[in-house]
Amino acid sequence: MATRSGGPSDATLDVLADQLARETAETGWLKLDVALATDRLVDQVLSVLEINKAVAPLGNGDG
């Protein structure tokens, strides 16, 4: 971040530090550990999708 230039973002290290210092509200979003092996990460995502599918099945498109 400190060495990049000419990109579309205007973020600087000061902007990042300000964002990290802010108190944020809980979003309820799933947090994934990207340090996991890819197959374990995929299993985790698929498991969550199956749970959500069982709770709120997708419609069939007819309204």
Protein backbone atom coordinates (compact mmCIF):
# COMPACT_ATOMS: atom_id res chain seq x y z
CA MET A 1 0.00 0.00 0.00
CA ALA A 2 2.81 2.37 0.86
CA THR A 3 4.66 1.77 -2.40
CA ARG A 4 1.81 1.63 -4.91
CA SER A 5 0.97 4.57 -7.12
CA GLY A 6 -1.26 5.46 -10.03
CA GLY A 7 -4.05 3.08 -9.06
CA PRO A 8 -7.77 3.81 -8.75
CA SER A 9 -7.70 3.85 -4.93
CA ASP A 10 -6.86 6.96 -2.97
CA ALA A 11 -6.25 4.97 0.20
CA THR A 12 -3.04 5.69 2.04
CA LEU A 13 -1.55 4.14 5.14
CA ASP A 14 -3.22 6.94 7.12
CA VAL A 15 -6.61 6.00 5.64
CA LEU A 16 -6.04 2.34 6.53
CA ALA A 17 -5.00 3.20 10.09
CA ASP A 18 -8.13 5.35 10.48
CA GLN A 19 -10.38 2.55 9.23
CA LEU A 20 -8.78 -0.04 11.50
CA ALA A 21 -9.18 2.26 14.51
CA ARG A 22 -12.95 2.64 14.01
CA GLU A 23 -15.42 0.68 16.07
CA THR A 24 -17.49 -1.45 13.73
CA ALA A 25 -20.88 -3.00 14.26
CA GLU A 26 -21.33 -6.74 14.03
CA THR A 27 -22.46 -7.57 10.49
CA GLY A 28 -23.47 -11.16 11.00
CA TRP A 29 -21.34 -12.08 8.00
CA LEU A 30 -19.58 -15.39 7.89
CA LYS A 31 -15.91 -15.04 8.71
CA LEU A 32 -13.67 -17.40 6.80
CA ASP A 33 -10.16 -18.37 7.80
CA VAL A 34 -8.30 -18.05 4.52
CA ALA A 35 -5.24 -19.62 6.13
CA LEU A 36 -7.04 -22.98 5.98
CA ALA A 37 -6.12 -25.45 3.30
CA THR A 38 -8.25 -24.84 0.21
CA ASP A 39 -10.19 -28.10 0.53
CA ARG A 40 -11.07 -27.36 4.17
CA LEU A 41 -12.14 -23.82 3.26
CA VAL A 42 -14.34 -25.11 0.44
CA ASP A 43 -15.89 -27.68 2.80
CA GLN A 44 -16.65 -24.91 5.31
CA VAL A 45 -18.32 -22.73 2.67
CA LEU A 46 -20.34 -25.60 1.23
CA SER A 47 -21.47 -26.60 4.71
CA VAL A 48 -22.76 -23.09 5.41
CA LEU A 49 -24.51 -22.96 2.04
CA GLU A 50 -26.26 -26.27 2.74
CA ILE A 51 -27.42 -25.02 6.15
CA ASN A 52 -28.76 -21.80 4.63
CA LYS A 53 -30.43 -23.74 1.80
CA ALA A 54 -32.26 -25.90 4.35
CA VAL A 55 -33.43 -22.86 6.32
CA ALA A 56 -34.42 -20.71 3.36
CA PRO A 57 -34.70 -22.74 0.16
CA LEU A 58 -34.31 -20.89 -3.10
CA GLY A 59 -37.50 -20.26 -5.02
CA ASN A 60 -38.17 -21.89 -8.36
CA GLY A 61 -38.53 -18.56 -10.16
CA ASP A 62 -42.31 -18.57 -10.52
CA GLY A 63 -42.85 -15.79 -8.06
